[in-house]
Amino acid sequence: MAQTFIVKGSVVTNASDNDFGRAQFVRITATGDTTAVLEESNGSTVIGQVYLEDGDTVIIEKHPAEKITCPTSKASAVGSPRS
């Protein structure tokens, strides 16, 4: 199924404590089995996690100050077609 989204930033490989330019939406594609971690702005308080298998793609909605860590992945800031 095709996805429509607005590209808002560069691709980041293996994101670590990254707020993606304070983006509200971040698209992540796993390049191997991995766990994406959403963290508070302090980078140490975990809000939630999602497991991704190699090749899975998700779009995570977050608060602009929140950060994402996701080894073995490619990720970028995106926007909703409605935003």
Protein backbone atom coordinates (compact mmCIF):
# COMPACT_ATOMS: atom_id res chain seq x y z
CA MET A 1 0.00 0.00 0.00
CA ALA A 2 1.42 3.38 -0.98
CA GLN A 3 1.87 6.06 1.67
CA THR A 4 1.57 9.78 1.12
CA PHE A 5 3.54 12.12 3.34
CA ILE A 6 5.46 15.38 3.16
CA VAL A 7 9.25 15.07 3.33
CA LYS A 8 10.66 17.48 5.94
CA GLY A 9 14.25 16.48 6.51
CA SER A 10 17.30 14.44 5.67
CA VAL A 11 17.57 10.70 6.23
CA VAL A 12 19.28 9.77 9.51
CA THR A 13 21.02 6.40 9.82
CA ASN A 14 20.76 4.65 13.21
CA ALA A 15 19.12 7.57 15.06
CA SER A 16 20.26 8.16 18.64
CA ASP A 17 18.49 10.68 20.92
CA ASN A 18 17.35 12.59 17.84
CA ASP A 19 14.40 15.02 17.83
CA PHE A 20 14.48 15.27 14.00
CA GLY A 21 14.37 19.05 13.97
CA ARG A 22 11.48 19.03 16.44
CA ALA A 23 9.30 17.16 13.93
CA GLN A 24 5.90 15.88 15.00
CA PHE A 25 6.02 12.85 12.68
CA VAL A 26 9.04 10.60 11.99
CA ARG A 27 9.11 7.81 9.41
CA ILE A 28 11.37 4.88 10.34
CA THR A 29 12.40 1.96 8.12
CA ALA A 30 14.19 -0.94 9.79
CA THR A 31 17.32 -2.11 7.98
CA GLY A 32 17.49 -5.10 10.34
CA ASP A 33 15.43 -6.33 13.30
CA THR A 34 15.39 -3.45 15.80
CA THR A 35 13.48 -1.61 18.52
CA ALA A 36 12.51 2.04 18.15
CA VAL A 37 12.48 3.91 21.47
CA LEU A 38 10.55 7.15 22.07
CA GLU A 39 12.10 9.21 24.87
CA GLU A 40 11.35 12.40 26.79
CA SER A 41 13.44 15.44 25.82
CA ASN A 42 16.00 14.53 28.50
CA GLY A 43 16.92 11.48 26.40
CA SER A 44 16.77 9.08 29.33
CA THR A 45 13.08 8.67 30.23
CA VAL A 46 11.43 6.09 27.97
CA ILE A 47 7.88 6.85 26.82
CA GLY A 48 7.43 3.73 24.72
CA GLN A 49 8.99 1.21 22.37
CA VAL A 50 8.02 -0.58 19.18
CA TYR A 51 9.70 -3.65 17.67
CA LEU A 52 10.40 -3.55 13.93
CA GLU A 53 11.44 -6.47 11.76
CA ASP A 54 13.86 -5.93 8.88
CA GLY A 55 12.03 -3.96 6.18
CA ASP A 56 9.16 -2.73 8.39
CA THR A 57 8.22 0.95 8.10
CA VAL A 58 6.27 3.02 10.64
CA ILE A 59 5.42 6.67 11.14
CA ILE A 60 5.64 7.71 14.79
CA GLU A 61 3.75 10.76 16.07
CA LYS A 62 5.61 12.54 18.85
CA HIS A 63 5.83 15.83 20.74
CA PRO A 64 8.38 18.13 19.05
CA ALA A 65 10.84 17.92 21.98
CA GLU A 66 10.69 14.14 22.29
CA LYS A 67 13.57 12.08 20.91
CA ILE A 68 13.88 8.80 19.05
CA THR A 69 16.61 6.18 19.26
CA CYS A 70 16.48 3.40 16.69
CA PRO A 71 19.60 1.44 15.78
CA THR A 72 19.67 -0.49 12.50
CA SER A 73 17.30 1.89 10.73
CA LYS A 74 16.87 4.85 8.42
CA ALA A 75 14.57 7.64 9.63
CA SER A 76 13.42 11.09 8.57
CA ALA A 77 11.02 13.82 9.59
CA VAL A 78 7.77 13.80 7.64
CA GLY A 79 4.48 15.60 7.74
CA SER A 80 0.95 14.42 7.33
CA PRO A 81 -0.76 15.41 4.06
CA ARG A 82 -3.32 17.12 6.32
CA SER A 83 -0.74 19.23 8.24
